[in-house]
Amino acid sequence: MSILDGKKVIIIGDRDGIPAPAIEECLKGTGAEVVFSSTECFV
């Protein structure tokens, strides 16, 4: 059981930092449901 088990998650990644797909991949085994995932450029 995880702290994120059954939770809905919004992921906002950074183009020059950690992109959203990498964060999403890390959350796969936690039981969290990713409802939105996007990589943005913060300039």
N, C-alpha and C. Protein backbone atom coordinates (compact mmCIF):
# COMPACT_ATOMS: atom_id res chain seq x y z
N MET A 1 0.85 -1.19 0.00
CA MET A 1 0.00 0.00 0.00
C MET A 1 0.88 1.24 0.00
N SER A 2 0.53 2.20 -0.83
CA SER A 2 1.30 3.42 -1.01
C SER A 2 0.51 4.62 -0.53
N ILE A 3 1.20 5.70 -0.27
CA ILE A 3 0.55 6.95 0.13
C ILE A 3 -0.30 7.50 -1.02
N LEU A 4 0.06 7.13 -2.26
CA LEU A 4 -0.68 7.60 -3.43
C LEU A 4 -1.71 6.60 -3.93
N ASP A 5 -1.89 5.50 -3.26
CA ASP A 5 -2.81 4.46 -3.69
C ASP A 5 -4.23 5.01 -3.80
N GLY A 6 -4.80 4.93 -5.00
CA GLY A 6 -6.17 5.40 -5.23
C GLY A 6 -6.31 6.90 -5.44
N LYS A 7 -5.21 7.64 -5.45
CA LYS A 7 -5.26 9.10 -5.65
C LYS A 7 -5.15 9.45 -7.12
N LYS A 8 -5.70 10.59 -7.49
CA LYS A 8 -5.57 11.11 -8.85
C LYS A 8 -4.44 12.14 -8.84
N VAL A 9 -3.60 12.09 -9.88
CA VAL A 9 -2.39 12.90 -9.91
C VAL A 9 -2.33 13.73 -11.19
N ILE A 10 -1.91 14.98 -11.05
CA ILE A 10 -1.62 15.85 -12.18
C ILE A 10 -0.11 16.05 -12.21
N ILE A 11 0.50 15.80 -13.37
CA ILE A 11 1.95 15.91 -13.50
C ILE A 11 2.28 17.04 -14.45
N ILE A 12 3.11 17.99 -13.99
CA ILE A 12 3.61 19.06 -14.85
C ILE A 12 5.13 18.98 -14.81
N GLY A 13 5.70 18.55 -15.93
CA GLY A 13 7.14 18.42 -16.03
C GLY A 13 7.75 19.67 -16.65
N ASP A 14 9.07 19.72 -16.60
CA ASP A 14 9.81 20.85 -17.16
C ASP A 14 10.67 20.36 -18.31
N ARG A 15 10.65 21.09 -19.42
CA ARG A 15 11.41 20.67 -20.60
C ARG A 15 12.91 20.59 -20.32
N ASP A 16 13.45 21.52 -19.55
CA ASP A 16 14.88 21.53 -19.24
C ASP A 16 15.22 20.80 -17.96
N GLY A 17 14.22 20.32 -17.27
CA GLY A 17 14.43 19.59 -16.02
C GLY A 17 13.99 18.14 -16.16
N ILE A 18 12.97 17.77 -15.43
CA ILE A 18 12.44 16.41 -15.49
C ILE A 18 11.14 16.44 -16.29
N PRO A 19 11.11 15.76 -17.45
CA PRO A 19 9.89 15.76 -18.26
C PRO A 19 8.79 14.91 -17.63
N ALA A 20 7.56 15.23 -17.96
CA ALA A 20 6.39 14.56 -17.40
C ALA A 20 6.39 13.04 -17.62
N PRO A 21 6.78 12.53 -18.79
CA PRO A 21 6.78 11.07 -18.97
C PRO A 21 7.71 10.35 -17.99
N ALA A 22 8.81 10.99 -17.61
CA ALA A 22 9.73 10.38 -16.64
C ALA A 22 9.08 10.30 -15.26
N ILE A 23 8.38 11.34 -14.88
CA ILE A 23 7.69 11.35 -13.59
C ILE A 23 6.56 10.32 -13.60
N GLU A 24 5.84 10.26 -14.71
CA GLU A 24 4.75 9.30 -14.86
C GLU A 24 5.25 7.86 -14.74
N GLU A 25 6.41 7.59 -15.31
CA GLU A 25 7.01 6.26 -15.24
C GLU A 25 7.36 5.90 -13.79
N CYS A 26 7.81 6.87 -13.03
CA CYS A 26 8.15 6.63 -11.62
C CYS A 26 6.91 6.34 -10.77
N LEU A 27 5.75 6.83 -11.18
CA LEU A 27 4.53 6.66 -10.40
C LEU A 27 3.76 5.39 -10.75
N LYS A 28 4.22 4.63 -11.74
CA LYS A 28 3.48 3.46 -12.20
C LYS A 28 3.21 2.43 -11.11
N GLY A 29 4.14 2.19 -10.22
CA GLY A 29 3.95 1.16 -9.20
C GLY A 29 3.30 1.65 -7.92
N THR A 30 2.87 2.91 -7.88
CA THR A 30 2.35 3.48 -6.64
C THR A 30 0.85 3.32 -6.48
N GLY A 31 0.14 3.01 -7.56
CA GLY A 31 -1.31 2.90 -7.49
C GLY A 31 -2.02 4.20 -7.77
N ALA A 32 -1.26 5.25 -8.12
CA ALA A 32 -1.86 6.54 -8.44
C ALA A 32 -2.41 6.52 -9.86
N GLU A 33 -3.49 7.28 -10.07
CA GLU A 33 -4.09 7.41 -11.40
C GLU A 33 -3.68 8.76 -11.98
N VAL A 34 -2.94 8.77 -13.07
CA VAL A 34 -2.51 10.01 -13.71
C VAL A 34 -3.66 10.50 -14.59
N VAL A 35 -4.23 11.67 -14.23
CA VAL A 35 -5.35 12.22 -14.99
C VAL A 35 -4.91 13.27 -16.00
N PHE A 36 -3.71 13.86 -15.78
CA PHE A 36 -3.17 14.84 -16.72
C PHE A 36 -1.66 14.82 -16.61
N SER A 37 -1.00 14.83 -17.75
CA SER A 37 0.46 14.81 -17.78
C SER A 37 0.92 15.70 -18.93
N SER A 38 1.78 16.68 -18.61
CA SER A 38 2.25 17.61 -19.64
C SER A 38 3.65 18.08 -19.30
N THR A 39 4.45 18.29 -20.34
CA THR A 39 5.78 18.87 -20.18
C THR A 39 5.73 20.28 -20.73
N GLU A 40 6.09 21.24 -19.92
CA GLU A 40 6.03 22.66 -20.30
C GLU A 40 7.42 23.27 -20.32
N CYS A 41 7.52 24.43 -20.93
CA CYS A 41 8.77 25.19 -20.97
C CYS A 41 8.55 26.44 -20.14
N PHE A 42 9.24 26.53 -19.01
CA PHE A 42 9.11 27.68 -18.13
C PHE A 42 10.29 28.63 -18.38
N VAL A 43 10.02 29.73 -19.08
CA VAL A 43 11.09 30.69 -19.41
C VAL A 43 10.78 31.99 -18.71
